[in-house]
């Protein structure tokens, strides 16, 4: 996010930029649930607080001020999207780790 939005800290802003949501208008177009789904599908692991923060940013209120009924609606909307198109399991962060001594590595490099 290039513009400072209420409830959106540096980490959340970075996630949003990485999924293509760079302006307040992008966030408005995606909506809180759509933006949250994009972040989740990108492999990030946000808590529901991000969902509430996004909605708070759109409503220009602190995320903790969102009524409980609205929070329930947001979670239900997210659950419905995921039920229709489940998240894929993220691939492993890296390949296997091998424990080699420097001498073993040199031997392999010479081959």
C-alpha atoms as a PDB file:
ATOM      1  CA  UNK A   1       0.000   0.000   0.000  1.00  0.00           C
ATOM      2  CA  UNK A   2       1.458   3.260  -0.992  1.00  0.00           C
ATOM      3  CA  UNK A   3      -1.015   5.329   1.029  1.00  0.00           C
ATOM      4  CA  UNK A   4      -1.213   4.932   4.778  1.00  0.00           C
ATOM      5  CA  UNK A   5      -4.433   3.189   5.756  1.00  0.00           C
ATOM      6  CA  UNK A   6      -5.812   2.825   9.232  1.00  0.00           C
ATOM      7  CA  UNK A   7      -5.016  -0.577  10.839  1.00  0.00           C
ATOM      8  CA  UNK A   8      -2.513  -1.530   8.108  1.00  0.00           C
ATOM      9  CA  UNK A   9       1.003  -1.885   9.463  1.00  0.00           C
ATOM     10  CA  UNK A  10       4.216  -2.452   7.524  1.00  0.00           C
ATOM     11  CA  UNK A  11       3.940  -6.251   7.404  1.00  0.00           C
ATOM     12  CA  UNK A  12       0.318  -6.217   6.265  1.00  0.00           C
ATOM     13  CA  UNK A  13       1.099  -3.499   3.711  1.00  0.00           C
ATOM     14  CA  UNK A  14       3.962  -5.603   2.328  1.00  0.00           C
ATOM     15  CA  UNK A  15       1.684  -8.647   2.004  1.00  0.00           C
ATOM     16  CA  UNK A  16      -0.925  -6.563   0.208  1.00  0.00           C
ATOM     17  CA  UNK A  17       1.639  -5.129  -2.203  1.00  0.00           C
ATOM     18  CA  UNK A  18       2.963  -8.615  -2.932  1.00  0.00           C
ATOM     19  CA  UNK A  19      -0.510  -9.797  -3.963  1.00  0.00           C
ATOM     20  CA  UNK A  20      -1.048  -6.776  -6.223  1.00  0.00           C
ATOM     21  CA  UNK A  21      -3.065  -4.557  -3.888  1.00  0.00           C
ATOM     22  CA  UNK A  22      -1.024  -1.367  -3.963  1.00  0.00           C
ATOM     23  CA  UNK A  23      -3.559   1.431  -3.535  1.00  0.00           C
ATOM     24  CA  UNK A  24      -6.614   2.102  -1.398  1.00  0.00           C
ATOM     25  CA  UNK A  25      -8.647   1.766  -4.591  1.00  0.00           C
ATOM     26  CA  UNK A  26      -7.229  -1.745  -5.110  1.00  0.00           C
ATOM     27  CA  UNK A  27      -8.314  -2.672  -1.585  1.00  0.00           C
ATOM     28  CA  UNK A  28     -11.764  -1.195  -2.110  1.00  0.00           C
ATOM     29  CA  UNK A  29     -12.165  -3.180  -5.343  1.00  0.00           C
ATOM     30  CA  UNK A  30     -11.056  -6.446  -3.724  1.00  0.00           C
ATOM     31  CA  UNK A  31     -12.938  -5.911  -0.483  1.00  0.00           C
ATOM     32  CA  UNK A  32     -11.692  -7.080   2.909  1.00  0.00           C
ATOM     33  CA  UNK A  33     -12.530 -10.739   2.329  1.00  0.00           C
ATOM     34  CA  UNK A  34     -11.120 -10.781  -1.208  1.00  0.00           C
ATOM     35  CA  UNK A  35      -7.881  -9.164  -0.060  1.00  0.00           C
ATOM     36  CA  UNK A  36      -7.602 -11.589   2.854  1.00  0.00           C
ATOM     37  CA  UNK A  37      -8.111 -14.555   0.506  1.00  0.00           C
ATOM     38  CA  UNK A  38      -5.402 -13.232  -1.846  1.00  0.00           C
ATOM     39  CA  UNK A  39      -2.951 -12.970   1.047  1.00  0.00           C
ATOM     40  CA  UNK A  40      -3.789 -16.495   2.239  1.00  0.00           C
ATOM     41  CA  UNK A  41      -3.538 -17.955  -1.269  1.00  0.00           C
ATOM     42  CA  UNK A  42      -0.117 -16.331  -1.684  1.00  0.00           C
ATOM     43  CA  UNK A  43       1.128 -18.534   1.143  1.00  0.00           C
ATOM     44  CA  UNK A  44       1.242 -15.983   3.929  1.00  0.00           C
ATOM     45  CA  UNK A  45      -0.191 -16.951   7.299  1.00  0.00           C
ATOM     46  CA  UNK A  46      -2.274 -14.015   8.525  1.00  0.00           C
ATOM     47  CA  UNK A  47      -4.593 -14.309  11.485  1.00  0.00           C
ATOM     48  CA  UNK A  48      -8.208 -13.210  11.375  1.00  0.00           C
ATOM     49  CA  UNK A  49      -7.024  -9.901  12.815  1.00  0.00           C
ATOM     50  CA  UNK A  50      -5.841  -9.018   9.296  1.00  0.00           C
ATOM     51  CA  UNK A  51      -9.341  -9.646   7.966  1.00  0.00           C
ATOM     52  CA  UNK A  52     -10.795  -7.387  10.655  1.00  0.00           C
ATOM     53  CA  UNK A  53      -8.072  -4.790  10.052  1.00  0.00           C
ATOM     54  CA  UNK A  54      -8.837  -4.697   6.343  1.00  0.00           C
ATOM     55  CA  UNK A  55     -12.518  -4.199   7.031  1.00  0.00           C
ATOM     56  CA  UNK A  56     -11.689  -1.510   9.585  1.00  0.00           C
ATOM     57  CA  UNK A  57      -9.498   0.231   7.005  1.00  0.00           C
ATOM     58  CA  UNK A  58     -12.387   0.200   4.543  1.00  0.00           C
ATOM     59  CA  UNK A  59     -14.822   1.471   7.184  1.00  0.00           C
ATOM     60  CA  UNK A  60     -12.273   3.976   8.587  1.00  0.00           C
ATOM     61  CA  UNK A  61     -12.539   2.593  12.102  1.00  0.00           C
ATOM     62  CA  UNK A  62     -10.240   0.711  14.442  1.00  0.00           C
ATOM     63  CA  UNK A  63     -10.530  -3.019  13.776  1.00  0.00           C
ATOM     64  CA  UNK A  64     -11.514  -3.678  17.390  1.00  0.00           C
ATOM     65  CA  UNK A  65     -14.540  -1.434  16.917  1.00  0.00           C
ATOM     66  CA  UNK A  66     -16.080  -3.759  14.338  1.00  0.00           C
ATOM     67  CA  UNK A  67     -19.300  -5.213  15.707  1.00  0.00           C
ATOM     68  CA  UNK A  68     -19.216  -8.915  16.517  1.00  0.00           C
ATOM     69  CA  UNK A  69     -22.007  -9.517  13.995  1.00  0.00           C
ATOM     70  CA  UNK A  70     -19.864  -7.982  11.215  1.00  0.00           C
ATOM     71  CA  UNK A  71     -16.884 -10.106  12.238  1.00  0.00           C
ATOM     72  CA  UNK A  72     -19.041 -13.218  12.004  1.00  0.00           C
ATOM     73  CA  UNK A  73     -20.233 -12.137   8.526  1.00  0.00           C
ATOM     74  CA  UNK A  74     -16.630 -11.635   7.364  1.00  0.00           C
ATOM     75  CA  UNK A  75     -15.531 -15.065   8.605  1.00  0.00           C
ATOM     76  CA  UNK A  76     -18.594 -16.696   7.044  1.00  0.00           C
ATOM     77  CA  UNK A  77     -17.835 -15.028   3.699  1.00  0.00           C
ATOM     78  CA  UNK A  78     -14.219 -16.199   3.892  1.00  0.00           C
ATOM     79  CA  UNK A  79     -15.303 -19.748   4.815  1.00  0.00           C
ATOM     80  CA  UNK A  80     -17.727 -19.819   1.859  1.00  0.00           C
ATOM     81  CA  UNK A  81     -14.993 -18.814  -0.598  1.00  0.00           C
ATOM     82  CA  UNK A  82     -12.594 -21.420   0.797  1.00  0.00           C
ATOM     83  CA  UNK A  83     -15.298 -24.107   0.769  1.00  0.00           C
ATOM     84  CA  UNK A  84     -15.838 -23.481  -2.965  1.00  0.00           C
ATOM     85  CA  UNK A  85     -12.126 -23.377  -3.767  1.00  0.00           C
ATOM     86  CA  UNK A  86      -9.960 -24.752  -0.924  1.00  0.00           C
ATOM     87  CA  UNK A  87      -6.502 -23.411  -0.228  1.00  0.00           C
ATOM     88  CA  UNK A  88      -3.736 -25.582  -1.583  1.00  0.00           C
ATOM     89  CA  UNK A  89      -1.213 -26.913   0.848  1.00  0.00           C
ATOM     90  CA  UNK A  90       1.930 -24.805   0.682  1.00  0.00           C
ATOM     91  CA  UNK A  91       5.032 -26.542  -0.659  1.00  0.00           C
ATOM     92  CA  UNK A  92       7.930 -27.119   1.709  1.00  0.00           C
ATOM     93  CA  UNK A  93       9.955 -24.011   2.424  1.00  0.00           C
ATOM     94  CA  UNK A  94      13.160 -25.659   1.211  1.00  0.00           C
ATOM     95  CA  UNK A  95      14.546 -28.941  -0.018  1.00  0.00           C
ATOM     96  CA  UNK A  96      16.103 -31.562   2.203  1.00  0.00           C
ATOM     97  CA  UNK A  97      18.955 -30.504   4.438  1.00  0.00           C
ATOM     98  CA  UNK A  98      22.141 -32.560   4.326  1.00  0.00           C
ATOM     99  CA  UNK A  99      24.771 -32.447   7.006  1.00  0.00           C
ATOM    100  CA  UNK A 100      28.174 -32.389   5.275  1.00  0.00           C
ATOM    101  CA  UNK A 101      31.601 -31.470   6.492  1.00  0.00           C
ATOM    102  CA  UNK A 102      33.626 -29.040   4.375  1.00  0.00           C
ATOM    103  CA  UNK A 103      35.875 -31.943   3.347  1.00  0.00           C
ATOM    104  CA  UNK A 104      32.913 -33.940   2.058  1.00  0.00           C
ATOM    105  CA  UNK A 105      31.695 -30.916   0.099  1.00  0.00           C
ATOM    106  CA  UNK A 106      35.136 -30.479  -1.509  1.00  0.00           C
ATOM    107  CA  UNK A 107      35.150 -34.169  -2.512  1.00  0.00           C
ATOM    108  CA  UNK A 108      31.740 -33.776  -4.170  1.00  0.00           C
ATOM    109  CA  UNK A 109      32.788 -30.564  -5.922  1.00  0.00           C
ATOM    110  CA  UNK A 110      35.801 -32.332  -7.453  1.00  0.00           C
ATOM    111  CA  UNK A 111      33.609 -35.036  -9.023  1.00  0.00           C
END
